């Protein structure tokens, strides 16, 4: 018996109100997984976009020196 069949067997023995509660929980899990997938896709595209934008810049001369990076307080 598959997991889905076992779930259906247990679910059919529950009262309708409990079945609705199980459905709510399943929808919550689906939404959480969907959100995680969207975030992972966003991270992948951001990394790709940044890599594409920076491609070839390692060969360019630097516009700033170490002295430019030091902050002075007076």
N, C-alpha and C. Protein backbone atom coordinates (compact mmCIF):
# COMPACT_ATOMS: atom_id res chain seq x y z
N UNK A 1 0.85 -1.18 0.00
CA UNK A 1 0.00 0.00 0.00
C UNK A 1 0.90 1.25 0.00
N UNK A 2 0.57 2.20 -0.86
CA UNK A 2 1.36 3.42 -0.94
C UNK A 2 1.01 4.35 0.23
N UNK A 3 1.83 5.34 0.41
CA UNK A 3 1.60 6.32 1.47
C UNK A 3 0.27 7.04 1.22
N UNK A 4 0.02 7.43 -0.03
CA UNK A 4 -1.23 8.13 -0.36
C UNK A 4 -2.44 7.25 -0.04
N UNK A 5 -2.36 5.97 -0.34
CA UNK A 5 -3.47 5.07 -0.04
C UNK A 5 -3.69 4.95 1.46
N UNK A 6 -2.62 4.88 2.21
CA UNK A 6 -2.72 4.79 3.67
C UNK A 6 -3.35 6.05 4.23
N UNK A 7 -2.95 7.20 3.71
CA UNK A 7 -3.53 8.48 4.17
C UNK A 7 -5.02 8.51 3.87
N UNK A 8 -5.41 8.11 2.67
CA UNK A 8 -6.83 8.11 2.29
C UNK A 8 -7.61 7.17 3.20
N UNK A 9 -7.06 6.03 3.52
CA UNK A 9 -7.73 5.08 4.40
C UNK A 9 -7.98 5.69 5.78
N UNK A 10 -6.95 6.31 6.33
CA UNK A 10 -7.09 6.95 7.65
C UNK A 10 -8.04 8.14 7.57
N UNK A 11 -7.94 8.91 6.50
CA UNK A 11 -8.75 10.11 6.33
C UNK A 11 -10.23 9.77 6.23
N UNK A 12 -10.54 8.71 5.52
CA UNK A 12 -11.96 8.34 5.35
C UNK A 12 -12.60 7.90 6.66
N UNK A 13 -11.80 7.51 7.64
CA UNK A 13 -12.34 7.10 8.93
C UNK A 13 -12.61 8.29 9.85
N UNK A 14 -12.13 9.47 9.48
CA UNK A 14 -12.30 10.66 10.32
C UNK A 14 -13.63 11.34 10.02
N UNK A 15 -14.16 12.09 11.00
CA UNK A 15 -15.36 12.89 10.72
C UNK A 15 -15.02 14.05 9.77
N UNK A 16 -16.05 14.59 9.14
CA UNK A 16 -15.86 15.65 8.14
C UNK A 16 -15.07 16.83 8.70
N UNK A 17 -15.32 17.23 9.93
CA UNK A 17 -14.61 18.38 10.51
C UNK A 17 -13.11 18.09 10.61
N UNK A 18 -12.74 16.87 10.96
CA UNK A 18 -11.33 16.50 11.04
C UNK A 18 -10.73 16.41 9.64
N UNK A 19 -11.52 15.95 8.68
CA UNK A 19 -11.04 15.88 7.30
C UNK A 19 -10.72 17.30 6.79
N UNK A 20 -11.56 18.26 7.15
CA UNK A 20 -11.33 19.66 6.76
C UNK A 20 -10.04 20.18 7.40
N UNK A 21 -9.80 19.80 8.64
CA UNK A 21 -8.58 20.21 9.33
C UNK A 21 -7.34 19.64 8.64
N UNK A 22 -7.43 18.38 8.22
CA UNK A 22 -6.33 17.74 7.48
C UNK A 22 -6.11 18.47 6.16
N UNK A 23 -7.20 18.80 5.46
CA UNK A 23 -7.08 19.53 4.20
C UNK A 23 -6.41 20.87 4.42
N UNK A 24 -6.78 21.59 5.46
CA UNK A 24 -6.14 22.88 5.77
C UNK A 24 -4.64 22.70 5.99
N UNK A 25 -4.27 21.65 6.69
CA UNK A 25 -2.85 21.40 6.96
C UNK A 25 -2.11 21.06 5.67
N UNK A 26 -2.71 20.25 4.81
CA UNK A 26 -2.08 19.90 3.53
C UNK A 26 -1.89 21.16 2.68
N UNK A 27 -2.88 22.02 2.64
CA UNK A 27 -2.76 23.27 1.88
C UNK A 27 -1.67 24.17 2.46
N UNK A 28 -1.55 24.18 3.78
CA UNK A 28 -0.47 24.95 4.43
C UNK A 28 0.89 24.42 3.99
N UNK A 29 1.06 23.11 4.01
CA UNK A 29 2.33 22.50 3.60
C UNK A 29 2.63 22.84 2.14
N UNK A 30 1.62 22.75 1.28
CA UNK A 30 1.82 23.09 -0.14
C UNK A 30 2.27 24.54 -0.30
N UNK A 31 1.63 25.45 0.41
CA UNK A 31 1.98 26.87 0.32
C UNK A 31 3.39 27.12 0.81
N UNK A 32 3.77 26.47 1.91
CA UNK A 32 5.12 26.64 2.45
C UNK A 32 6.17 26.14 1.46
N UNK A 33 5.92 25.00 0.84
CA UNK A 33 6.87 24.45 -0.13
C UNK A 33 6.94 25.35 -1.37
N UNK A 34 5.80 25.88 -1.80
CA UNK A 34 5.76 26.76 -2.97
C UNK A 34 6.56 28.03 -2.69
N UNK A 35 6.39 28.60 -1.48
CA UNK A 35 7.13 29.81 -1.10
C UNK A 35 8.62 29.54 -1.08
N UNK A 36 9.02 28.39 -0.56
CA UNK A 36 10.44 28.03 -0.50
C UNK A 36 11.01 27.91 -1.91
N UNK A 37 10.25 27.32 -2.82
CA UNK A 37 10.70 27.16 -4.21
C UNK A 37 10.87 28.52 -4.86
N UNK A 38 9.92 29.42 -4.61
CA UNK A 38 10.01 30.77 -5.19
C UNK A 38 11.25 31.48 -4.67
N UNK A 39 11.53 31.38 -3.36
CA UNK A 39 12.73 32.02 -2.80
C UNK A 39 14.00 31.44 -3.40
N UNK A 40 14.04 30.12 -3.56
CA UNK A 40 15.22 29.50 -4.15
C UNK A 40 15.41 29.94 -5.59
N UNK A 41 14.31 30.07 -6.34
CA UNK A 41 14.40 30.57 -7.71
C UNK A 41 14.89 32.02 -7.74
N UNK A 42 14.38 32.84 -6.82
CA UNK A 42 14.82 34.24 -6.75
C UNK A 42 16.31 34.34 -6.46
N UNK A 43 16.80 33.52 -5.55
CA UNK A 43 18.22 33.52 -5.19
C UNK A 43 19.06 33.10 -6.40
N UNK A 44 18.60 32.08 -7.11
CA UNK A 44 19.34 31.61 -8.28
C UNK A 44 19.41 32.70 -9.35
N UNK A 45 18.27 33.37 -9.61
CA UNK A 45 18.26 34.41 -10.62
C UNK A 45 19.10 35.62 -10.18
N UNK A 46 19.08 35.94 -8.90
CA UNK A 46 19.89 37.06 -8.41
C UNK A 46 21.38 36.77 -8.59
N UNK A 47 21.78 35.55 -8.26
CA UNK A 47 23.19 35.18 -8.42
C UNK A 47 23.58 35.21 -9.89
N UNK A 48 22.72 34.71 -10.76
CA UNK A 48 22.99 34.73 -12.20
C UNK A 48 23.09 36.17 -12.71
N UNK A 49 22.16 37.00 -12.27
CA UNK A 49 22.15 38.40 -12.71
C UNK A 49 23.41 39.13 -12.27
N UNK A 50 23.81 38.93 -11.02
CA UNK A 50 25.01 39.57 -10.52
C UNK A 50 26.25 39.08 -11.25
N UNK A 51 26.33 37.78 -11.48
CA UNK A 51 27.47 37.22 -12.21
C UNK A 51 27.53 37.77 -13.63
N UNK A 52 26.37 37.92 -14.26
CA UNK A 52 26.33 38.46 -15.62
C UNK A 52 26.75 39.92 -15.65
N UNK A 53 26.29 40.68 -14.65
CA UNK A 53 26.63 42.11 -14.60
C UNK A 53 28.11 42.32 -14.32
N UNK A 54 28.72 41.44 -13.54
CA UNK A 54 30.12 41.61 -13.14
C UNK A 54 31.10 40.96 -14.12
N UNK A 55 30.58 40.20 -15.08
CA UNK A 55 31.44 39.48 -16.01
C UNK A 55 32.39 40.46 -16.73
N UNK A 56 33.65 40.16 -16.69
CA UNK A 56 34.66 40.96 -17.38
C UNK A 56 35.22 42.10 -16.55
N UNK A 57 34.62 42.41 -15.42
CA UNK A 57 35.09 43.53 -14.61
C UNK A 57 36.42 43.25 -13.92
N UNK A 58 36.76 41.98 -13.75
CA UNK A 58 38.02 41.66 -13.08
C UNK A 58 39.22 42.12 -13.89
N UNK A 59 39.03 42.38 -15.17
CA UNK A 59 40.12 42.82 -16.03
C UNK A 59 40.25 44.35 -16.07
N UNK A 60 39.28 45.06 -15.51
CA UNK A 60 39.31 46.51 -15.53
C UNK A 60 40.23 47.06 -14.44
N UNK A 61 40.80 48.24 -14.71
CA UNK A 61 41.61 48.92 -13.71
C UNK A 61 40.71 49.44 -12.60
N UNK A 62 41.23 49.43 -11.39
CA UNK A 62 40.48 49.91 -10.25
C UNK A 62 40.39 51.43 -10.27
N UNK A 63 39.25 51.96 -9.93
CA UNK A 63 39.06 53.41 -9.90
C UNK A 63 39.49 54.01 -8.57
N UNK A 64 39.66 53.16 -7.56
CA UNK A 64 39.97 53.64 -6.22
C UNK A 64 41.23 52.96 -5.69
N UNK A 65 41.88 53.66 -4.76
CA UNK A 65 43.06 53.09 -4.10
C UNK A 65 42.68 52.73 -2.67
N UNK A 66 43.60 52.10 -1.96
CA UNK A 66 43.35 51.76 -0.56
C UNK A 66 43.14 53.04 0.25
N UNK A 67 43.85 54.09 -0.10
CA UNK A 67 43.71 55.36 0.61
C UNK A 67 42.29 55.91 0.46
N UNK A 68 41.67 55.67 -0.67
CA UNK A 68 40.29 56.12 -0.87
C UNK A 68 39.31 55.39 0.05
N UNK A 69 39.67 54.21 0.46
CA UNK A 69 38.78 53.40 1.27
C UNK A 69 38.86 53.72 2.76
N UNK A 70 39.92 54.39 3.17
CA UNK A 70 40.09 54.72 4.59
C UNK A 70 39.24 55.93 4.94
N UNK A 71 38.51 55.78 6.04
CA UNK A 71 37.67 56.86 6.50
C UNK A 71 38.42 57.63 7.58
N UNK A 72 38.41 58.92 7.49
CA UNK A 72 39.12 59.70 8.49
C UNK A 72 38.12 60.47 9.36
N UNK A 73 38.47 60.56 10.63
CA UNK A 73 37.65 61.28 11.60
C UNK A 73 38.47 62.46 12.13
N UNK A 74 37.89 63.59 12.11
CA UNK A 74 38.59 64.77 12.61
C UNK A 74 37.75 65.53 13.57
